C-alpha cells in the first residue's frame, strides 16, 4: 500500500486528492485525516481478472471482521469505475477504505493485483 495525499490549489480551496496504489483487504485508515465530503471516487481494477468490492467506512478505525461498510461499490474485472457525487457524500468522522473480492461485509480476500483508488474530498 502507498497512500498519497495532495491538497489542491495551494490552500485556496479545501479540496484534497487521495491516491492509494494498492488497496487491499486490510483497511487504509482515516485517509483525509478527519471528516470530509467525498465528491469523486475512481477505482481502477484493470489489473484484476475478478470482480472487486470497494468498501468505505465513516470511521477512524476499522475491524474488517465485524464492521459494516457505509458504502460498497462493485467493480467488474478489468475495468475502472469512476463515480461523481455532485453534492458530496459526507463522512462526519473520517474516511477509511479497503478493497476485497467478496461482497460480504466481513470478507478479507485481497484482490490478486493492485487496485488503484483515487478520492477527492472537501
Protein backbone atom coordinates (compact mmCIF):
# COMPACT_ATOMS: atom_id res chain seq x y z
CA UNK A 1 0.00 0.00 0.00
CA UNK A 2 1.15 3.51 -0.80
CA UNK A 3 -1.10 6.38 0.23
CA UNK A 4 -0.52 9.86 -1.23
CA UNK A 5 -2.46 12.94 -0.11
CA UNK A 6 -2.33 16.11 -2.21
CA UNK A 7 -4.05 19.41 -1.34
CA UNK A 8 -5.32 21.20 -4.45
CA UNK A 9 -4.79 24.86 -5.37
CA UNK A 10 -2.19 25.59 -2.70
CA UNK A 11 -4.69 26.01 0.11
CA UNK A 12 -7.07 28.37 -1.70
CA UNK A 13 -9.71 25.62 -1.73
CA UNK A 14 -10.36 22.85 0.81
CA UNK A 15 -10.20 20.03 -1.78
CA UNK A 16 -7.81 17.15 -1.18
CA UNK A 17 -6.95 14.28 -3.53
CA UNK A 18 -6.03 10.92 -2.01
CA UNK A 19 -4.49 8.09 -4.02
CA UNK A 20 -3.90 4.54 -2.79
CA UNK A 21 -1.90 2.48 -5.30
CA UNK A 22 -2.62 -0.94 -3.80
CA UNK A 23 -5.90 -1.02 -1.89
CA UNK A 24 -6.50 -4.44 -0.34
CA UNK A 25 -8.37 -6.28 2.41
CA UNK A 26 -6.73 -4.51 5.33
CA UNK A 27 -8.23 -1.05 5.72
CA UNK A 28 -6.45 2.21 4.94
CA UNK A 29 -7.50 4.32 7.92
CA UNK A 30 -8.60 7.98 8.04
CA UNK A 31 -7.23 8.87 4.60
CA UNK A 32 -8.11 12.58 4.85
CA UNK A 33 -7.03 12.98 8.48
CA UNK A 34 -10.56 13.75 9.65
CA UNK A 35 -14.07 14.34 8.33
CA UNK A 36 -14.61 15.12 4.63
CA UNK A 37 -17.27 15.07 1.95
CA UNK A 38 -16.24 12.77 -0.88
CA UNK A 39 -17.03 14.13 -4.36
CA UNK A 40 -15.26 11.67 -6.67
CA UNK A 41 -14.17 8.05 -6.40
CA UNK A 42 -12.09 6.34 -9.07
CA UNK A 43 -11.43 2.61 -8.65
CA UNK A 44 -9.01 1.06 -11.15
CA UNK A 45 -9.46 -2.73 -11.21
CA UNK A 46 -7.84 -3.21 -14.65
CA UNK A 47 -5.07 -5.44 -13.27
CA UNK A 48 -7.53 -8.00 -11.87
CA UNK A 49 -9.39 -10.75 -13.68
CA UNK A 50 -12.02 -10.89 -10.93
CA UNK A 51 -14.67 -8.59 -9.51
CA UNK A 52 -13.53 -6.38 -6.62
CA UNK A 53 -15.61 -4.59 -3.98
CA UNK A 54 -14.59 -1.15 -2.72
CA UNK A 55 -15.78 -0.61 0.85
CA UNK A 56 -15.74 2.74 2.66
CA UNK A 57 -16.33 3.43 6.34
CA UNK A 58 -17.29 6.57 8.26
CA UNK A 59 -14.77 5.70 10.95
CA UNK A 60 -11.24 6.41 12.08
CA UNK A 61 -10.59 2.71 12.68
CA UNK A 62 -11.97 -0.42 11.04
CA UNK A 63 -12.23 -4.04 12.15
CA UNK A 64 -12.79 -5.86 8.84
CA UNK A 65 -14.02 -8.95 10.68
CA UNK A 66 -17.03 -7.15 12.19
CA UNK A 67 -17.53 -3.57 10.94
CA UNK A 68 -20.20 -2.91 8.31
CA UNK A 69 -19.17 -0.56 5.48
CA UNK A 70 -21.17 2.64 4.93
CA UNK A 71 -20.57 2.38 1.19
CA UNK A 72 -19.93 -0.66 -1.02
CA UNK A 73 -19.18 -0.44 -4.76
CA UNK A 74 -18.86 -3.44 -7.07
CA UNK A 75 -16.15 -3.04 -9.70
CA UNK A 76 -16.16 -5.59 -12.54
CA UNK A 77 -12.94 -7.30 -13.57
CA UNK A 78 -10.51 -5.43 -15.80
CA UNK A 79 -12.29 -2.04 -15.68
CA UNK A 80 -12.05 1.34 -13.99
CA UNK A 81 -15.17 2.69 -12.31
CA UNK A 82 -15.44 6.48 -11.90
CA UNK A 83 -18.14 7.89 -9.65
CA UNK A 84 -19.06 11.56 -9.30
CA UNK A 85 -21.10 12.64 -6.29
CA UNK A 86 -22.08 16.22 -7.14
CA UNK A 87 -23.29 17.21 -3.67
CA UNK A 88 -20.68 15.09 -1.92
CA UNK A 89 -21.08 12.12 0.39
CA UNK A 90 -20.47 13.28 3.95
CA UNK A 91 -18.17 11.24 6.18
CA UNK A 92 -18.60 13.02 9.52
CA UNK A 93 -15.92 11.11 11.43
CA UNK A 94 -13.26 10.01 8.94
CA UNK A 95 -12.91 8.16 5.63
CA UNK A 96 -11.42 4.68 5.82
CA UNK A 97 -11.45 2.22 2.92
CA UNK A 98 -10.49 -1.24 1.73
CA UNK A 99 -10.99 -3.48 -1.32
CA UNK A 100 -11.74 -7.21 -1.43
CA UNK A 101 -13.06 -9.84 -3.84
CA UNK A 102 -16.15 -10.81 -1.83
CA UNK A 103 -19.39 -8.93 -1.34
CA UNK A 104 -19.85 -9.98 2.31
CA UNK A 105 -19.23 -7.13 4.76
CA UNK A 106 -16.54 -9.13 6.58
CA UNK A 107 -14.78 -10.60 3.50
CA UNK A 108 -10.99 -10.20 3.74
CA UNK A 109 -9.85 -11.74 0.45
CA UNK A 110 -7.38 -9.40 -1.25
CA UNK A 111 -7.68 -8.76 -4.99
CA UNK A 112 -4.97 -10.63 -6.88
CA UNK A 113 -3.23 -7.46 -8.11
CA UNK A 114 -3.18 -3.76 -7.29
CA UNK A 115 -6.43 -1.81 -7.13
CA UNK A 116 -5.61 1.88 -7.57
CA UNK A 117 -8.11 4.13 -5.82
CA UNK A 118 -8.39 7.92 -6.01
CA UNK A 119 -10.80 10.02 -3.93
CA UNK A 120 -11.41 13.76 -3.94
CA UNK A 121 -12.76 15.27 -0.75
CA UNK A 122 -13.51 18.70 0.62
